[in-house]
Amino acid sequence: ADFTAAIKLEPTNAIYSHNRGYCYRNKGEFEAACADYSRAIELNPWNATAFNNRGYALRKLGQLGPAVEDYSRSLELQPDNVK
């Protein structure tokens, strides 16, 4: 899927930013992933998965404090999502 093209067509669709962030994450491009997850969170601040995934990317970047904040926010939004 070409999420970059989708974002250009629908820049306010949080799902496209989130999914592209996931692609970056899988490629080990954690800074780009964080940027896309941040955009997804900006568009939909109730997306627990975006907070969780950004926390993962931040942890991989060695930013442990912000990662813990994102993991905590994810659990606040979706307490049953303990993995």
PDB file of N, CA and C in Angstrom:
ATOM      1  N   ALA A   1       0.839  -1.186   0.000  1.00  0.00           N
ATOM      2  CA  ALA A   1       0.000   0.000   0.000  1.00  0.00           C
ATOM      3  C   ALA A   1       0.880   1.244   0.000  1.00  0.00           C
ATOM      4  N   ASP A   2       0.455   2.240  -0.706  1.00  0.00           N
ATOM      5  CA  ASP A   2       1.212   3.488  -0.783  1.00  0.00           C
ATOM      6  C   ASP A   2       0.576   4.505   0.154  1.00  0.00           C
ATOM      7  N   PHE A   3       1.014   4.484   1.404  1.00  0.00           N
ATOM      8  CA  PHE A   3       0.427   5.363   2.406  1.00  0.00           C
ATOM      9  C   PHE A   3       0.815   6.820   2.186  1.00  0.00           C
ATOM     10  N   THR A   4       1.968   7.060   1.581  1.00  0.00           N
ATOM     11  CA  THR A   4       2.362   8.444   1.299  1.00  0.00           C
ATOM     12  C   THR A   4       1.382   9.082   0.332  1.00  0.00           C
ATOM     13  N   ALA A   5       0.989   8.352  -0.695  1.00  0.00           N
ATOM     14  CA  ALA A   5       0.002   8.867  -1.652  1.00  0.00           C
ATOM     15  C   ALA A   5      -1.346   9.058  -0.963  1.00  0.00           C
ATOM     16  N   ALA A   6      -1.705   8.116  -0.109  1.00  0.00           N
ATOM     17  CA  ALA A   6      -2.979   8.228   0.609  1.00  0.00           C
ATOM     18  C   ALA A   6      -2.985   9.453   1.523  1.00  0.00           C
ATOM     19  N   ILE A   7      -1.857   9.728   2.176  1.00  0.00           N
ATOM     20  CA  ILE A   7      -1.762  10.892   3.058  1.00  0.00           C
ATOM     21  C   ILE A   7      -1.905  12.177   2.253  1.00  0.00           C
ATOM     22  N   LYS A   8      -1.334  12.195   1.062  1.00  0.00           N
ATOM     23  CA  LYS A   8      -1.467  13.385   0.203  1.00  0.00           C
ATOM     24  C   LYS A   8      -2.918  13.612  -0.195  1.00  0.00           C
ATOM     25  N   LEU A   9      -3.644  12.532  -0.428  1.00  0.00           N
ATOM     26  CA  LEU A   9      -5.057  12.639  -0.815  1.00  0.00           C
ATOM     27  C   LEU A   9      -5.952  12.982   0.374  1.00  0.00           C
ATOM     28  N   GLU A  10      -5.642  12.416   1.538  1.00  0.00           N
ATOM     29  CA  GLU A  10      -6.454  12.637   2.744  1.00  0.00           C
ATOM     30  C   GLU A  10      -5.533  12.926   3.934  1.00  0.00           C
ATOM     31  N   PRO A  11      -4.986  14.128   4.003  1.00  0.00           N
ATOM     32  CA  PRO A  11      -4.002  14.435   5.048  1.00  0.00           C
ATOM     33  C   PRO A  11      -4.556  14.420   6.472  1.00  0.00           C
ATOM     34  N   THR A  12      -5.865  14.423   6.638  1.00  0.00           N
ATOM     35  CA  THR A  12      -6.442  14.401   7.986  1.00  0.00           C
ATOM     36  C   THR A  12      -6.881  13.002   8.415  1.00  0.00           C
ATOM     37  N   ASN A  13      -6.509  11.994   7.646  1.00  0.00           N
ATOM     38  CA  ASN A  13      -6.850  10.614   7.987  1.00  0.00           C
ATOM     39  C   ASN A  13      -5.738  10.027   8.850  1.00  0.00           C
ATOM     40  N   ALA A  14      -6.011   9.868  10.127  1.00  0.00           N
ATOM     41  CA  ALA A  14      -5.004   9.394  11.083  1.00  0.00           C
ATOM     42  C   ALA A  14      -4.542   7.971  10.778  1.00  0.00           C
ATOM     43  N   ILE A  15      -5.414   7.169  10.222  1.00  0.00           N
ATOM     44  CA  ILE A  15      -5.064   5.768   9.950  1.00  0.00           C
ATOM     45  C   ILE A  15      -3.913   5.678   8.956  1.00  0.00           C
ATOM     46  N   TYR A  16      -3.910   6.524   7.945  1.00  0.00           N
ATOM     47  CA  TYR A  16      -2.840   6.473   6.948  1.00  0.00           C
ATOM     48  C   TYR A  16      -1.494   6.831   7.575  1.00  0.00           C
ATOM     49  N   SER A  17      -1.471   7.866   8.401  1.00  0.00           N
ATOM     50  CA  SER A  17      -0.222   8.235   9.075  1.00  0.00           C
ATOM     51  C   SER A  17       0.246   7.120  10.003  1.00  0.00           C
ATOM     52  N   HIS A  18      -0.694   6.545  10.730  1.00  0.00           N
ATOM     53  CA  HIS A  18      -0.343   5.453  11.637  1.00  0.00           C
ATOM     54  C   HIS A  18       0.229   4.267  10.864  1.00  0.00           C
ATOM     55  N   ASN A  19      -0.433   3.890   9.783  1.00  0.00           N
ATOM     56  CA  ASN A  19       0.018   2.724   9.026  1.00  0.00           C
ATOM     57  C   ASN A  19       1.373   2.962   8.366  1.00  0.00           C
ATOM     58  N   ARG A  20       1.612   4.175   7.884  1.00  0.00           N
ATOM     59  CA  ARG A  20       2.928   4.453   7.306  1.00  0.00           C
ATOM     60  C   ARG A  20       3.987   4.405   8.407  1.00  0.00           C
ATOM     61  N   GLY A  21       3.637   4.912   9.584  1.00  0.00           N
ATOM     62  CA  GLY A  21       4.555   4.820  10.715  1.00  0.00           C
ATOM     63  C   GLY A  21       4.916   3.380  11.036  1.00  0.00           C
ATOM     64  N   TYR A  22       3.942   2.503  10.940  1.00  0.00           N
ATOM     65  CA  TYR A  22       4.189   1.084  11.196  1.00  0.00           C
ATOM     66  C   TYR A  22       5.137   0.500  10.148  1.00  0.00           C
ATOM     67  N   CYS A  23       4.981   0.935   8.919  1.00  0.00           N
ATOM     68  CA  CYS A  23       5.901   0.494   7.862  1.00  0.00           C
ATOM     69  C   CYS A  23       7.323   0.955   8.162  1.00  0.00           C
ATOM     70  N   TYR A  24       7.463   2.215   8.550  1.00  0.00           N
ATOM     71  CA  TYR A  24       8.790   2.728   8.914  1.00  0.00           C
ATOM     72  C   TYR A  24       9.365   1.941  10.097  1.00  0.00           C
ATOM     73  N   ARG A  25       8.535   1.681  11.062  1.00  0.00           N
ATOM     74  CA  ARG A  25       8.975   0.915  12.235  1.00  0.00           C
ATOM     75  C   ARG A  25       9.516  -0.443  11.818  1.00  0.00           C
ATOM     76  N   ASN A  26       8.801  -1.129  10.942  1.00  0.00           N
ATOM     77  CA  ASN A  26       9.235  -2.452  10.495  1.00  0.00           C
ATOM     78  C   ASN A  26      10.532  -2.407   9.712  1.00  0.00           C
ATOM     79  N   LYS A  27      10.839  -1.254   9.123  1.00  0.00           N
ATOM     80  CA  LYS A  27      12.092  -1.085   8.389  1.00  0.00           C
ATOM     81  C   LYS A  27      13.218  -0.575   9.293  1.00  0.00           C
ATOM     82  N   GLY A  28      12.923  -0.351  10.569  1.00  0.00           N
ATOM     83  CA  GLY A  28      13.920   0.142  11.503  1.00  0.00           C
ATOM     84  C   GLY A  28      14.149   1.640  11.417  1.00  0.00           C
ATOM     85  N   GLU A  29      13.256   2.347  10.749  1.00  0.00           N
ATOM     86  CA  GLU A  29      13.356   3.803  10.609  1.00  0.00           C
ATOM     87  C   GLU A  29      12.506   4.457  11.700  1.00  0.00           C
ATOM     88  N   PHE A  30      13.049   4.444  12.919  1.00  0.00           N
ATOM     89  CA  PHE A  30      12.263   4.807  14.090  1.00  0.00           C
ATOM     90  C   PHE A  30      11.967   6.301  14.193  1.00  0.00           C
ATOM     91  N   GLU A  31      12.846   7.146  13.711  1.00  0.00           N
ATOM     92  CA  GLU A  31      12.559   8.582  13.734  1.00  0.00           C
ATOM     93  C   GLU A  31      11.385   8.914  12.815  1.00  0.00           C
ATOM     94  N   ALA A  32      11.385   8.338  11.616  1.00  0.00           N
ATOM     95  CA  ALA A  32      10.270   8.556  10.688  1.00  0.00           C
ATOM     96  C   ALA A  32       8.988   7.962  11.262  1.00  0.00           C
ATOM     97  N   ALA A  33       9.108   6.812  11.907  1.00  0.00           N
ATOM     98  CA  ALA A  33       7.941   6.191  12.530  1.00  0.00           C
ATOM     99  C   ALA A  33       7.364   7.107  13.606  1.00  0.00           C
ATOM    100  N   CYS A  34       8.240   7.666  14.445  1.00  0.00           N
ATOM    101  CA  CYS A  34       7.775   8.575  15.500  1.00  0.00           C
ATOM    102  C   CYS A  34       7.042   9.776  14.914  1.00  0.00           C
ATOM    103  N   ALA A  35       7.568  10.314  13.831  1.00  0.00           N
ATOM    104  CA  ALA A  35       6.925  11.480  13.211  1.00  0.00           C
ATOM    105  C   ALA A  35       5.524  11.126  12.735  1.00  0.00           C
ATOM    106  N   ASP A  36       5.377   9.967  12.109  1.00  0.00           N
ATOM    107  CA  ASP A  36       4.052   9.575  11.620  1.00  0.00           C
ATOM    108  C   ASP A  36       3.105   9.228  12.762  1.00  0.00           C
ATOM    109  N   TYR A  37       3.610   8.546  13.786  1.00  0.00           N
ATOM    110  CA  TYR A  37       2.753   8.255  14.939  1.00  0.00           C
ATOM    111  C   TYR A  37       2.321   9.542  15.625  1.00  0.00           C
ATOM    112  N   SER A  38       3.226  10.511  15.705  1.00  0.00           N
ATOM    113  CA  SER A  38       2.871  11.805  16.309  1.00  0.00           C
ATOM    114  C   SER A  38       1.771  12.485  15.514  1.00  0.00           C
ATOM    115  N   ARG A  39       1.858  12.417  14.211  1.00  0.00           N
ATOM    116  CA  ARG A  39       0.814  13.003  13.363  1.00  0.00           C
ATOM    117  C   ARG A  39      -0.506  12.262  13.572  1.00  0.00           C
ATOM    118  N   ALA A  40      -0.454  10.954  13.654  1.00  0.00           N
ATOM    119  CA  ALA A  40      -1.676  10.178  13.889  1.00  0.00           C
ATOM    120  C   ALA A  40      -2.299  10.546  15.234  1.00  0.00           C
ATOM    121  N   ILE A  41      -1.458  10.757  16.243  1.00  0.00           N
ATOM    122  CA  ILE A  41      -1.950  11.137  17.572  1.00  0.00           C
ATOM    123  C   ILE A  41      -2.527  12.547  17.542  1.00  0.00           C
ATOM    124  N   GLU A  42      -1.899  13.429  16.801  1.00  0.00           N
ATOM    125  CA  GLU A  42      -2.417  14.790  16.651  1.00  0.00           C
ATOM    126  C   GLU A  42      -3.816  14.765  16.036  1.00  0.00           C
ATOM    127  N   LEU A  43      -4.006  13.907  15.053  1.00  0.00           N
ATOM    128  CA  LEU A  43      -5.299  13.803  14.366  1.00  0.00           C
ATOM    129  C   LEU A  43      -6.336  13.042  15.184  1.00  0.00           C
ATOM    130  N   ASN A  44      -5.877  12.072  15.980  1.00  0.00           N
ATOM    131  CA  ASN A  44      -6.786  11.268  16.798  1.00  0.00           C
ATOM    132  C   ASN A  44      -6.115  10.968  18.132  1.00  0.00           C
ATOM    133  N   PRO A  45      -6.256  11.869  19.106  1.00  0.00           N
ATOM    134  CA  PRO A  45      -5.570  11.700  20.389  1.00  0.00           C
ATOM    135  C   PRO A  45      -6.133  10.586  21.270  1.00  0.00           C
ATOM    136  N   TRP A  46      -7.093   9.828  20.800  1.00  0.00           N
ATOM    137  CA  TRP A  46      -7.668   8.707  21.544  1.00  0.00           C
ATOM    138  C   TRP A  46      -7.201   7.367  20.979  1.00  0.00           C
ATOM    139  N   ASN A  47      -6.206   7.385  20.102  1.00  0.00           N
ATOM    140  CA  ASN A  47      -5.712   6.164  19.465  1.00  0.00           C
ATOM    141  C   ASN A  47      -4.647   5.522  20.356  1.00  0.00           C
ATOM    142  N   ALA A  48      -5.065   4.581  21.171  1.00  0.00           N
ATOM    143  CA  ALA A  48      -4.152   3.912  22.103  1.00  0.00           C
ATOM    144  C   ALA A  48      -3.030   3.187  21.370  1.00  0.00           C
ATOM    145  N   THR A  49      -3.330   2.609  20.237  1.00  0.00           N
ATOM    146  CA  THR A  49      -2.322   1.862  19.482  1.00  0.00           C
ATOM    147  C   THR A  49      -1.220   2.780  18.975  1.00  0.00           C
ATOM    148  N   ALA A  50      -1.579   3.981  18.553  1.00  0.00           N
ATOM    149  CA  ALA A  50      -0.565   4.930  18.082  1.00  0.00           C
ATOM    150  C   ALA A  50       0.371   5.312  19.225  1.00  0.00           C
ATOM    151  N   PHE A  51      -0.172   5.523  20.423  1.00  0.00           N
ATOM    152  CA  PHE A  51       0.683   5.823  21.575  1.00  0.00           C
ATOM    153  C   PHE A  51       1.598   4.639  21.883  1.00  0.00           C
ATOM    154  N   ASN A  52       1.052   3.436  21.847  1.00  0.00           N
ATOM    155  CA  ASN A  52       1.843   2.246  22.120  1.00  0.00           C
ATOM    156  C   ASN A  52       2.967   2.093  21.085  1.00  0.00           C
ATOM    157  N   ASN A  53       2.635   2.265  19.828  1.00  0.00           N
ATOM    158  CA  ASN A  53       3.642   2.102  18.776  1.00  0.00           C
ATOM    159  C   ASN A  53       4.694   3.210  18.818  1.00  0.00           C
ATOM    160  N   ARG A  54       4.275   4.432  19.126  1.00  0.00           N
ATOM    161  CA  ARG A  54       5.262   5.497  19.247  1.00  0.00           C
ATOM    162  C   ARG A  54       6.171   5.227  20.443  1.00  0.00           C
ATOM    163  N   GLY A  55       5.600   4.685  21.525  1.00  0.00           N
ATOM    164  CA  GLY A  55       6.413   4.307  22.672  1.00  0.00           C
ATOM    165  C   GLY A  55       7.479   3.292  22.300  1.00  0.00           C
ATOM    166  N   TYR A  56       7.104   2.336  21.484  1.00  0.00           N
ATOM    167  CA  TYR A  56       8.075   1.334  21.022  1.00  0.00           C
ATOM    168  C   TYR A  56       9.197   1.991  20.225  1.00  0.00           C
ATOM    169  N   ALA A  57       8.833   2.853  19.287  1.00  0.00           N
ATOM    170  CA  ALA A  57       9.830   3.527  18.459  1.00  0.00           C
ATOM    171  C   ALA A  57      10.740   4.413  19.315  1.00  0.00           C
ATOM    172  N   LEU A  58      10.156   5.120  20.266  1.00  0.00           N
ATOM    173  CA  LEU A  58      10.954   5.961  21.153  1.00  0.00           C
ATOM    174  C   LEU A  58      11.926   5.123  21.979  1.00  0.00           C
ATOM    175  N   ARG A  59      11.454   3.979  22.434  1.00  0.00           N
ATOM    176  CA  ARG A  59      12.331   3.080  23.204  1.00  0.00           C
ATOM    177  C   ARG A  59      13.497   2.625  22.349  1.00  0.00           C
ATOM    178  N   LYS A  60      13.228   2.292  21.097  1.00  0.00           N
ATOM    179  CA  LYS A  60      14.297   1.867  20.197  1.00  0.00           C
ATOM    180  C   LYS A  60      15.294   2.999  19.937  1.00  0.00           C
ATOM    181  N   LEU A  61      14.833   4.246  20.050  1.00  0.00           N
ATOM    182  CA  LEU A  61      15.708   5.408  19.881  1.00  0.00           C
ATOM    183  C   LEU A  61      16.417   5.790  21.181  1.00  0.00           C
ATOM    184  N   GLY A  62      16.166   5.048  22.247  1.00  0.00           N
ATOM    185  CA  GLY A  62      16.808   5.310  23.520  1.00  0.00           C
ATOM    186  C   GLY A  62      16.154   6.411  24.330  1.00  0.00           C
ATOM    187  N   GLN A  63      14.969   6.833  23.928  1.00  0.00           N
ATOM    188  CA  GLN A  63      14.240   7.892  24.628  1.00  0.00           C
ATOM    189  C   GLN A  63      13.256   7.247  25.608  1.00  0.00           C
ATOM    190  N   LEU A  64      13.808   6.754  26.695  1.00  0.00           N
ATOM    191  CA  LEU A  64      13.018   5.924  27.604  1.00  0.00           C
ATOM    192  C   LEU A  64      11.933   6.688  28.347  1.00  0.00           C
ATOM    193  N   GLY A  65      12.214   7.908  28.786  1.00  0.00           N
ATOM    194  CA  GLY A  65      11.200   8.693  29.501  1.00  0.00           C
ATOM    195  C   GLY A  65       9.959   8.935  28.657  1.00  0.00           C
ATOM    196  N   PRO A  66      10.126   9.482  27.456  1.00  0.00           N
ATOM    197  CA  PRO A  66       8.959   9.671  26.589  1.00  0.00           C
ATOM    198  C   PRO A  66       8.279   8.357  26.209  1.00  0.00           C
ATOM    199  N   ALA A  67       9.060   7.284  26.078  1.00  0.00           N
ATOM    200  CA  ALA A  67       8.465   5.982  25.751  1.00  0.00           C
ATOM    201  C   ALA A  67       7.526   5.532  26.865  1.00  0.00           C
ATOM    202  N   VAL A  68       7.974   5.672  28.115  1.00  0.00           N
ATOM    203  CA  VAL A  68       7.139   5.284  29.255  1.00  0.00           C
ATOM    204  C   VAL A  68       5.869   6.135  29.296  1.00  0.00           C
ATOM    205  N   GLU A  69       5.999   7.423  29.000  1.00  0.00           N
ATOM    206  CA  GLU A  69       4.820   8.295  28.959  1.00  0.00           C
ATOM    207  C   GLU A  69       3.813   7.808  27.918  1.00  0.00           C
ATOM    208  N   ASP A  70       4.317   7.428  26.740  1.00  0.00           N
ATOM    209  CA  ASP A  70       3.409   6.946  25.691  1.00  0.00           C
ATOM    210  C   ASP A  70       2.773   5.615  26.063  1.00  0.00           C
ATOM    211  N   TYR A  71       3.569   4.706  26.638  1.00  0.00           N
ATOM    212  CA  TYR A  71       2.996   3.425  27.069  1.00  0.00           C
ATOM    213  C   TYR A  71       1.923   3.655  28.133  1.00  0.00           C
ATOM    214  N   SER A  72       2.188   4.563  29.053  1.00  0.00           N
ATOM    215  CA  SER A  72       1.210   4.867  30.110  1.00  0.00           C
ATOM    216  C   SER A  72      -0.069   5.443  29.523  1.00  0.00           C
ATOM    217  N   ARG A  73       0.076   6.356  28.579  1.00  0.00           N
ATOM    218  CA  ARG A  73      -1.111   6.950  27.945  1.00  0.00           C
ATOM    219  C   ARG A  73      -1.902   5.890  27.184  1.00  0.00           C
ATOM    220  N   SER A  74      -1.207   5.000  26.517  1.00  0.00           N
ATOM    221  CA  SER A  74      -1.873   3.914  25.804  1.00  0.00           C
ATOM    222  C   SER A  74      -2.724   3.079  26.755  1.00  0.00           C
ATOM    223  N   LEU A  75      -2.154   2.764  27.926  1.00  0.00           N
ATOM    224  CA  LEU A  75      -2.894   1.964  28.906  1.00  0.00           C
ATOM    225  C   LEU A  75      -4.048   2.741  29.530  1.00  0.00           C
ATOM    226  N   GLU A  76      -3.897   4.049  29.666  1.00  0.00           N
ATOM    227  CA  GLU A  76      -5.019   4.865  30.155  1.00  0.00           C
ATOM    228  C   GLU A  76      -6.187   4.800  29.182  1.00  0.00           C
ATOM    229  N   LEU A  77      -5.862   4.866  27.909  1.00  0.00           N
ATOM    230  CA  LEU A  77      -6.908   4.873  26.876  1.00  0.00           C
ATOM    231  C   LEU A  77      -7.526   3.501  26.664  1.00  0.00           C
ATOM    232  N   GLN A  78      -6.715   2.461  26.831  1.00  0.00           N
ATOM    233  CA  GLN A  78      -7.193   1.105  26.561  1.00  0.00           C
ATOM    234  C   GLN A  78      -6.593   0.156  27.604  1.00  0.00           C
ATOM    235  N   PRO A  79      -7.151   0.147  28.820  1.00  0.00           N
ATOM    236  CA  PRO A  79      -6.564  -0.626  29.920  1.00  0.00           C
ATOM    237  C   PRO A  79      -6.466  -2.121  29.665  1.00  0.00           C
ATOM    238  N   ASP A  80      -7.292  -2.658  28.811  1.00  0.00           N
ATOM    239  CA  ASP A  80      -7.267  -4.098  28.535  1.00  0.00           C
ATOM    240  C   ASP A  80      -6.200  -4.489  27.522  1.00  0.00           C
ATOM    241  N   ASN A  81      -5.437  -3.512  27.016  1.00  0.00           N
ATOM    242  CA  ASN A  81      -4.457  -3.763  25.965  1.00  0.00           C
ATOM    243  C   ASN A  81      -3.070  -3.999  26.559  1.00  0.00           C
ATOM    244  N   VAL A  82      -2.969  -4.894  27.515  1.00  0.00           N
ATOM    245  CA  VAL A  82      -1.688  -5.222  28.127  1.00  0.00           C
ATOM    246  C   VAL A  82      -1.096  -6.394  27.372  1.00  0.00           C
ATOM    247  N   LYS A  83       0.059  -6.133  26.732  1.00  0.00           N
ATOM    248  CA  LYS A  83       0.713  -7.203  25.962  1.00  0.00           C
ATOM    249  C   LYS A  83       2.109  -7.401  26.463  1.00  0.00           C
TER     250      LYS A  83
END
